Amino acid sequence: MNWPLLVVIQIAALSLEVTEKRWALYEARRLANSMSKPMLNIGSRSWMEAALMADVNLDIEYQPGIPNFVLGDAQDLSHWPDKHFGSIFASHVLEHVEDPARALGEWQRVAEYQVIAVPYWGSPHAWLSPQHRHVFIGSYVVRTWWP
């Protein structure tokens, strides 16, 4: 495969990923509204549009300028009761956490619905980013490592 074609394929994959991510964000908002409960955005620094649409924004690092910000760990949401949120939106968060199963368990406990986006497995960024601890294909972890 020549390099220009590879670049075109990657740009097309990224464009599709952004479109799907935006659809997922709007679906998370719709689901929270349908339950008449707030929406939690986990990993609030990743996308300002999501932060502005969420009722609560959680991140492991302080994020100035993010509305309704809560400092916390995506794997420990013990300060919220069961099914407190109508939905959780977590975009490009799960590949960073130490224990995805623990995070998913907490997300299922505190929200009626979980809307999750992870990097497309075919993207070199998914595999080569030093901050990514996991790569997912569908609901399967295909590679786990510790930086």
N, C-alpha and C. Protein backbone atom coordinates (compact mmCIF):
# COMPACT_ATOMS: atom_id res chain seq x y z
N MET A 1 0.85 -1.18 0.00
CA MET A 1 0.00 0.00 0.00
C MET A 1 0.89 1.24 0.00
N ASN A 2 0.57 2.20 -0.84
CA ASN A 2 1.40 3.41 -0.86
C ASN A 2 0.93 4.39 0.22
N TRP A 3 1.81 5.29 0.63
CA TRP A 3 1.53 6.21 1.73
C TRP A 3 0.36 7.15 1.47
N PRO A 4 0.21 7.76 0.29
CA PRO A 4 -0.95 8.64 0.10
C PRO A 4 -2.28 7.93 0.32
N LEU A 5 -2.39 6.69 -0.15
CA LEU A 5 -3.62 5.95 0.04
C LEU A 5 -3.86 5.69 1.53
N LEU A 6 -2.82 5.34 2.26
CA LEU A 6 -2.94 5.11 3.70
C LEU A 6 -3.42 6.37 4.41
N VAL A 7 -2.90 7.53 4.03
CA VAL A 7 -3.32 8.80 4.63
C VAL A 7 -4.80 9.05 4.34
N VAL A 8 -5.24 8.82 3.12
CA VAL A 8 -6.64 9.01 2.76
C VAL A 8 -7.53 8.08 3.58
N ILE A 9 -7.14 6.84 3.74
CA ILE A 9 -7.91 5.87 4.53
C ILE A 9 -8.00 6.34 5.98
N GLN A 10 -6.89 6.82 6.54
CA GLN A 10 -6.90 7.29 7.92
C GLN A 10 -7.78 8.52 8.09
N ILE A 11 -7.74 9.45 7.14
CA ILE A 11 -8.59 10.63 7.21
C ILE A 11 -10.06 10.22 7.13
N ALA A 12 -10.39 9.29 6.27
CA ALA A 12 -11.77 8.81 6.16
C ALA A 12 -12.21 8.14 7.45
N ALA A 13 -11.35 7.34 8.06
CA ALA A 13 -11.68 6.66 9.32
C ALA A 13 -11.89 7.69 10.42
N LEU A 14 -11.04 8.72 10.48
CA LEU A 14 -11.17 9.75 11.50
C LEU A 14 -12.47 10.53 11.30
N SER A 15 -12.82 10.85 10.07
CA SER A 15 -14.06 11.57 9.78
C SER A 15 -15.27 10.76 10.23
N LEU A 16 -15.27 9.47 9.94
CA LEU A 16 -16.35 8.60 10.36
C LEU A 16 -16.41 8.52 11.88
N GLU A 17 -15.25 8.43 12.54
CA GLU A 17 -15.20 8.35 14.00
C GLU A 17 -15.79 9.61 14.63
N VAL A 18 -15.46 10.79 14.10
CA VAL A 18 -15.99 12.05 14.63
C VAL A 18 -17.50 12.10 14.45
N THR A 19 -17.99 11.69 13.28
CA THR A 19 -19.43 11.68 13.02
C THR A 19 -20.14 10.75 13.99
N GLU A 20 -19.60 9.55 14.20
CA GLU A 20 -20.21 8.60 15.12
C GLU A 20 -20.14 9.10 16.56
N LYS A 21 -19.05 9.75 16.92
CA LYS A 21 -18.90 10.28 18.27
C LYS A 21 -19.94 11.37 18.54
N ARG A 22 -20.17 12.24 17.56
CA ARG A 22 -21.18 13.30 17.72
C ARG A 22 -22.57 12.67 17.85
N TRP A 23 -22.88 11.66 17.04
CA TRP A 23 -24.16 10.98 17.14
C TRP A 23 -24.30 10.36 18.54
N ALA A 24 -23.24 9.74 19.05
CA ALA A 24 -23.28 9.11 20.37
C ALA A 24 -23.53 10.14 21.46
N LEU A 25 -22.91 11.31 21.36
CA LEU A 25 -23.13 12.38 22.34
C LEU A 25 -24.59 12.80 22.35
N TYR A 26 -25.17 13.02 21.19
CA TYR A 26 -26.57 13.44 21.14
C TYR A 26 -27.50 12.33 21.63
N GLU A 27 -27.13 11.09 21.39
CA GLU A 27 -27.92 9.96 21.89
C GLU A 27 -27.85 9.90 23.42
N ALA A 28 -26.69 10.13 23.99
CA ALA A 28 -26.55 10.15 25.46
C ALA A 28 -27.42 11.25 26.06
N ARG A 29 -27.43 12.42 25.43
CA ARG A 29 -28.27 13.52 25.92
C ARG A 29 -29.74 13.16 25.83
N ARG A 30 -30.15 12.55 24.69
CA ARG A 30 -31.54 12.15 24.51
C ARG A 30 -31.97 11.13 25.56
N LEU A 31 -31.09 10.16 25.83
CA LEU A 31 -31.42 9.12 26.81
C LEU A 31 -31.57 9.71 28.22
N ALA A 32 -30.68 10.60 28.59
CA ALA A 32 -30.78 11.24 29.90
C ALA A 32 -32.09 12.02 30.01
N ASN A 33 -32.40 12.77 28.95
CA ASN A 33 -33.65 13.54 28.96
C ASN A 33 -34.87 12.62 29.06
N SER A 34 -34.82 11.47 28.37
CA SER A 34 -35.96 10.55 28.39
C SER A 34 -36.19 9.96 29.78
N MET A 35 -35.13 9.93 30.59
CA MET A 35 -35.24 9.41 31.95
C MET A 35 -35.50 10.54 32.96
N SER A 36 -35.49 11.78 32.49
CA SER A 36 -35.61 12.97 33.36
C SER A 36 -34.55 12.95 34.45
N LYS A 37 -33.33 12.54 34.03
CA LYS A 37 -32.20 12.50 34.95
C LYS A 37 -31.02 13.19 34.29
N PRO A 38 -30.02 13.58 35.09
CA PRO A 38 -28.86 14.27 34.51
C PRO A 38 -27.97 13.35 33.69
N MET A 39 -27.15 13.96 32.84
CA MET A 39 -26.15 13.25 32.03
C MET A 39 -24.77 13.52 32.61
N LEU A 40 -23.99 12.47 32.77
CA LEU A 40 -22.61 12.57 33.24
C LEU A 40 -21.66 12.38 32.07
N ASN A 41 -20.77 13.33 31.88
CA ASN A 41 -19.72 13.24 30.87
C ASN A 41 -18.42 12.87 31.59
N ILE A 42 -17.87 11.72 31.28
CA ILE A 42 -16.62 11.27 31.90
C ILE A 42 -15.47 11.56 30.93
N GLY A 43 -14.42 12.17 31.45
CA GLY A 43 -13.30 12.56 30.61
C GLY A 43 -13.58 13.89 29.95
N SER A 44 -13.95 14.86 30.74
CA SER A 44 -14.47 16.12 30.22
C SER A 44 -13.49 16.95 29.42
N ARG A 45 -12.20 16.72 29.56
CA ARG A 45 -11.24 17.55 28.82
C ARG A 45 -11.16 17.17 27.35
N SER A 46 -11.71 16.02 26.99
CA SER A 46 -11.50 15.52 25.64
C SER A 46 -12.32 16.25 24.57
N TRP A 47 -13.44 16.88 24.94
CA TRP A 47 -14.30 17.45 23.92
C TRP A 47 -15.23 18.48 24.54
N MET A 48 -15.02 19.75 24.24
CA MET A 48 -15.79 20.83 24.85
C MET A 48 -17.28 20.73 24.52
N GLU A 49 -17.63 20.28 23.32
CA GLU A 49 -19.05 20.15 22.97
C GLU A 49 -19.76 19.23 23.95
N ALA A 50 -19.12 18.13 24.31
CA ALA A 50 -19.71 17.19 25.28
C ALA A 50 -19.82 17.84 26.65
N ALA A 51 -18.79 18.58 27.05
CA ALA A 51 -18.81 19.24 28.36
C ALA A 51 -19.96 20.24 28.46
N LEU A 52 -20.25 20.92 27.37
CA LEU A 52 -21.33 21.91 27.38
C LEU A 52 -22.71 21.26 27.37
N MET A 53 -22.82 20.03 26.85
CA MET A 53 -24.11 19.35 26.81
C MET A 53 -24.42 18.56 28.07
N ALA A 54 -23.39 18.25 28.85
CA ALA A 54 -23.57 17.42 30.05
C ALA A 54 -24.04 18.25 31.23
N ASP A 55 -24.69 17.57 32.18
CA ASP A 55 -25.08 18.22 33.42
C ASP A 55 -23.96 18.18 34.44
N VAL A 56 -23.14 17.13 34.37
CA VAL A 56 -21.99 16.97 35.26
C VAL A 56 -20.81 16.50 34.41
N ASN A 57 -19.65 17.09 34.63
CA ASN A 57 -18.42 16.73 33.90
C ASN A 57 -17.38 16.24 34.89
N LEU A 58 -16.89 15.02 34.69
CA LEU A 58 -15.92 14.41 35.59
C LEU A 58 -14.61 14.16 34.86
N ASP A 59 -13.51 14.46 35.53
CA ASP A 59 -12.20 14.14 34.99
C ASP A 59 -11.25 13.90 36.15
N ILE A 60 -10.19 13.16 35.89
CA ILE A 60 -9.21 12.83 36.92
C ILE A 60 -8.25 13.99 37.21
N GLU A 61 -8.22 14.97 36.29
CA GLU A 61 -7.40 16.17 36.47
C GLU A 61 -8.30 17.40 36.41
N TYR A 62 -7.98 18.40 37.21
CA TYR A 62 -8.77 19.63 37.22
C TYR A 62 -8.77 20.26 35.83
N GLN A 63 -9.95 20.68 35.39
CA GLN A 63 -10.12 21.28 34.07
C GLN A 63 -10.75 22.65 34.20
N PRO A 64 -9.94 23.72 34.22
CA PRO A 64 -10.53 25.06 34.32
C PRO A 64 -11.39 25.38 33.11
N GLY A 65 -12.48 26.08 33.35
CA GLY A 65 -13.36 26.48 32.26
C GLY A 65 -14.42 25.47 31.89
N ILE A 66 -14.39 24.28 32.49
CA ILE A 66 -15.40 23.26 32.21
C ILE A 66 -16.57 23.47 33.17
N PRO A 67 -17.78 23.62 32.67
CA PRO A 67 -18.93 23.85 33.56
C PRO A 67 -19.29 22.60 34.36
N ASN A 68 -19.81 22.82 35.56
CA ASN A 68 -20.28 21.74 36.43
C ASN A 68 -19.23 20.65 36.58
N PHE A 69 -17.99 21.06 36.85
CA PHE A 69 -16.86 20.14 36.90
C PHE A 69 -16.76 19.45 38.26
N VAL A 70 -16.47 18.14 38.22
CA VAL A 70 -16.21 17.36 39.42
C VAL A 70 -14.90 16.62 39.21
N LEU A 71 -14.00 16.76 40.16
CA LEU A 71 -12.73 16.04 40.12
C LEU A 71 -12.97 14.62 40.64
N GLY A 72 -12.58 13.61 39.86
CA GLY A 72 -12.82 12.24 40.31
C GLY A 72 -12.27 11.21 39.35
N ASP A 73 -12.34 9.97 39.77
CA ASP A 73 -11.82 8.83 39.04
C ASP A 73 -12.97 8.08 38.38
N ALA A 74 -12.86 7.80 37.11
CA ALA A 74 -13.91 7.10 36.36
C ALA A 74 -14.16 5.69 36.89
N GLN A 75 -13.23 5.16 37.67
CA GLN A 75 -13.38 3.81 38.21
C GLN A 75 -14.01 3.80 39.61
N ASP A 76 -14.24 4.98 40.19
CA ASP A 76 -14.81 5.07 41.53
C ASP A 76 -15.80 6.24 41.56
N LEU A 77 -17.06 5.91 41.37
CA LEU A 77 -18.12 6.92 41.39
C LEU A 77 -18.97 6.75 42.64
N SER A 78 -18.33 6.37 43.75
CA SER A 78 -19.03 6.05 44.99
C SER A 78 -19.75 7.24 45.61
N HIS A 79 -19.44 8.46 45.20
CA HIS A 79 -20.13 9.61 45.75
C HIS A 79 -21.52 9.82 45.12
N TRP A 80 -21.89 8.99 44.14
CA TRP A 80 -23.23 9.05 43.56
C TRP A 80 -23.98 7.75 43.83
N PRO A 81 -25.28 7.85 44.12
CA PRO A 81 -26.07 6.64 44.37
C PRO A 81 -26.37 5.87 43.08
N ASP A 82 -26.87 4.67 43.24
CA ASP A 82 -27.24 3.83 42.11
C ASP A 82 -28.27 4.54 41.22
N LYS A 83 -28.06 4.44 39.91
CA LYS A 83 -28.97 4.96 38.88
C LYS A 83 -29.29 6.45 39.07
N HIS A 84 -28.32 7.20 39.54
CA HIS A 84 -28.49 8.65 39.71
C HIS A 84 -28.59 9.37 38.36
N PHE A 85 -27.86 8.90 37.37
CA PHE A 85 -27.81 9.55 36.06
C PHE A 85 -28.68 8.80 35.06
N GLY A 86 -29.24 9.57 34.13
CA GLY A 86 -29.97 8.95 33.03
C GLY A 86 -29.01 8.30 32.05
N SER A 87 -27.86 8.96 31.82
CA SER A 87 -26.86 8.38 30.93
C SER A 87 -25.47 8.88 31.29
N ILE A 88 -24.51 8.11 30.84
CA ILE A 88 -23.10 8.48 30.92
C ILE A 88 -22.59 8.53 29.49
N PHE A 89 -21.82 9.58 29.20
CA PHE A 89 -21.12 9.67 27.93
C PHE A 89 -19.63 9.63 28.25
N ALA A 90 -18.93 8.64 27.71
CA ALA A 90 -17.49 8.49 27.94
C ALA A 90 -16.82 8.31 26.58
N SER A 91 -16.21 9.38 26.11
CA SER A 91 -15.56 9.34 24.81
C SER A 91 -14.05 9.28 24.98
N HIS A 92 -13.48 8.21 24.48
CA HIS A 92 -12.03 8.03 24.51
C HIS A 92 -11.49 8.11 25.94
N VAL A 93 -12.15 7.36 26.81
CA VAL A 93 -11.78 7.28 28.22
C VAL A 93 -11.39 5.85 28.59
N LEU A 94 -12.17 4.88 28.13
CA LEU A 94 -12.01 3.50 28.58
C LEU A 94 -10.63 2.93 28.27
N GLU A 95 -10.01 3.36 27.18
CA GLU A 95 -8.69 2.84 26.83
C GLU A 95 -7.59 3.38 27.75
N HIS A 96 -7.91 4.38 28.58
CA HIS A 96 -6.93 4.98 29.48
C HIS A 96 -6.99 4.44 30.91
N VAL A 97 -8.12 3.89 31.33
CA VAL A 97 -8.27 3.49 32.73
C VAL A 97 -7.48 2.22 33.04
N GLU A 98 -7.15 2.07 34.29
CA GLU A 98 -6.37 0.90 34.70
C GLU A 98 -7.18 -0.39 34.58
N ASP A 99 -8.44 -0.34 34.99
CA ASP A 99 -9.28 -1.53 35.03
C ASP A 99 -10.61 -1.25 34.32
N PRO A 100 -10.71 -1.54 33.02
CA PRO A 100 -11.95 -1.25 32.29
C PRO A 100 -13.18 -1.94 32.87
N ALA A 101 -13.03 -3.16 33.37
CA ALA A 101 -14.19 -3.87 33.93
C ALA A 101 -14.72 -3.14 35.16
N ARG A 102 -13.83 -2.66 35.99
CA ARG A 102 -14.24 -1.91 37.18
C ARG A 102 -14.94 -0.61 36.79
N ALA A 103 -14.38 0.10 35.81
CA ALA A 103 -15.00 1.34 35.34
C ALA A 103 -16.39 1.06 34.79
N LEU A 104 -16.51 0.06 33.93
CA LEU A 104 -17.81 -0.27 33.35
C LEU A 104 -18.83 -0.66 34.42
N GLY A 105 -18.38 -1.37 35.43
CA GLY A 105 -19.27 -1.74 36.53
C GLY A 105 -19.80 -0.52 37.26
N GLU A 106 -18.94 0.44 37.51
CA GLU A 106 -19.36 1.69 38.17
C GLU A 106 -20.32 2.47 37.27
N TRP A 107 -20.01 2.54 35.98
CA TRP A 107 -20.86 3.28 35.05
C TRP A 107 -22.25 2.65 34.98
N GLN A 108 -22.30 1.33 34.98
CA GLN A 108 -23.60 0.65 34.95
C GLN A 108 -24.36 0.84 36.25
N ARG A 109 -23.64 0.95 37.34
CA ARG A 109 -24.28 1.15 38.64
C ARG A 109 -24.94 2.53 38.75
N VAL A 110 -24.24 3.59 38.30
CA VAL A 110 -24.74 4.94 38.54
C VAL A 110 -25.61 5.50 37.42
N ALA A 111 -25.71 4.83 36.26
CA ALA A 111 -26.49 5.36 35.14
C ALA A 111 -27.38 4.31 34.51
N GLU A 112 -28.52 4.77 34.04
CA GLU A 112 -29.45 3.89 33.33
C GLU A 112 -28.85 3.41 32.02
N TYR A 113 -28.15 4.32 31.30
CA TYR A 113 -27.55 4.01 30.00
C TYR A 113 -26.10 4.47 29.99
N GLN A 114 -25.26 3.74 29.26
CA GLN A 114 -23.86 4.11 29.09
C GLN A 114 -23.58 4.21 27.59
N VAL A 115 -23.11 5.37 27.17
CA VAL A 115 -22.76 5.58 25.77
C VAL A 115 -21.25 5.78 25.73
N ILE A 116 -20.54 4.85 25.10
CA ILE A 116 -19.09 4.79 25.19
C ILE A 116 -18.48 4.80 23.79
N ALA A 117 -17.48 5.64 23.60
CA ALA A 117 -16.73 5.67 22.34
C ALA A 117 -15.27 5.37 22.65
N VAL A 118 -14.70 4.48 21.88
CA VAL A 118 -13.27 4.16 21.99
C VAL A 118 -12.64 4.36 20.62
N PRO A 119 -11.33 4.56 20.57
CA PRO A 119 -10.68 4.75 19.26
C PRO A 119 -10.90 3.55 18.34
N TYR A 120 -11.06 3.84 17.08
CA TYR A 120 -11.20 2.79 16.08
C TYR A 120 -9.95 1.91 16.11
N TRP A 121 -10.13 0.61 16.22
CA TRP A 121 -9.00 -0.32 16.40
C TRP A 121 -8.04 -0.31 15.22
N GLY A 122 -8.52 0.06 14.04
CA GLY A 122 -7.66 0.07 12.86
C GLY A 122 -6.79 1.30 12.74
N SER A 123 -7.00 2.26 13.62
CA SER A 123 -6.21 3.48 13.59
C SER A 123 -4.86 3.26 14.27
N PRO A 124 -3.77 3.67 13.65
CA PRO A 124 -2.46 3.54 14.31
C PRO A 124 -2.43 4.22 15.67
N HIS A 125 -3.18 5.33 15.80
CA HIS A 125 -3.22 6.04 17.08
C HIS A 125 -3.73 5.14 18.21
N ALA A 126 -4.68 4.27 17.91
CA ALA A 126 -5.22 3.37 18.94
C ALA A 126 -4.12 2.48 19.52
N TRP A 127 -3.20 2.05 18.69
CA TRP A 127 -2.16 1.13 19.11
C TRP A 127 -0.89 1.83 19.59
N LEU A 128 -0.60 2.99 19.03
CA LEU A 128 0.70 3.62 19.27
C LEU A 128 0.70 4.70 20.34
N SER A 129 -0.46 5.20 20.74
CA SER A 129 -0.50 6.25 21.75
C SER A 129 0.05 5.70 23.07
N PRO A 130 1.04 6.35 23.65
CA PRO A 130 1.60 5.85 24.91
C PRO A 130 0.62 5.96 26.08
N GLN A 131 -0.42 6.77 25.95
CA GLN A 131 -1.40 6.88 27.04
C GLN A 131 -2.48 5.79 27.00
N HIS A 132 -2.56 5.06 25.89
CA HIS A 132 -3.57 4.01 25.78
C HIS A 132 -3.07 2.74 26.45
N ARG A 133 -3.83 2.27 27.42
CA ARG A 133 -3.50 1.02 28.11
C ARG A 133 -4.18 -0.18 27.47
N HIS A 134 -5.26 0.08 26.72
CA HIS A 134 -6.06 -1.00 26.13
C HIS A 134 -6.48 -0.60 24.72
N VAL A 135 -6.68 -1.60 23.88
CA VAL A 135 -7.26 -1.41 22.55
C VAL A 135 -8.47 -2.34 22.47
N PHE A 136 -9.58 -1.83 21.95
CA PHE A 136 -10.83 -2.59 21.91
C PHE A 136 -11.26 -2.83 20.47
N ILE A 137 -11.76 -4.03 20.22
CA ILE A 137 -12.47 -4.35 18.99
C ILE A 137 -13.86 -4.75 19.43
N GLY A 138 -14.83 -3.90 19.16
CA GLY A 138 -16.18 -4.13 19.68
C GLY A 138 -16.13 -4.12 21.18
N SER A 139 -16.60 -5.16 21.81
CA SER A 139 -16.60 -5.22 23.27
C SER A 139 -15.42 -6.03 23.81
N TYR A 140 -14.45 -6.33 22.95
CA TYR A 140 -13.33 -7.17 23.36
C TYR A 140 -12.06 -6.34 23.53
N VAL A 141 -11.33 -6.59 24.59
CA VAL A 141 -10.00 -6.01 24.75
C VAL A 141 -9.05 -6.89 23.97
N VAL A 142 -8.33 -6.31 23.02
CA VAL A 142 -7.43 -7.12 22.21
C VAL A 142 -5.97 -6.97 22.62
N ARG A 143 -5.67 -5.91 23.36
CA ARG A 143 -4.30 -5.74 23.83
C ARG A 143 -4.34 -4.89 25.09
N THR A 144 -3.67 -5.33 26.10
CA THR A 144 -3.56 -4.59 27.35
C THR A 144 -2.11 -4.52 27.73
N TRP A 145 -1.67 -3.34 28.11
CA TRP A 145 -0.30 -3.18 28.59
C TRP A 145 -0.25 -2.00 29.52
N TRP A 146 0.82 -1.90 30.26
CA TRP A 146 1.00 -0.82 31.23
C TRP A 146 2.19 0.01 30.82
N PRO A 147 1.98 1.30 30.62
CA PRO A 147 3.09 2.17 30.20
C PRO A 147 4.15 2.31 31.28
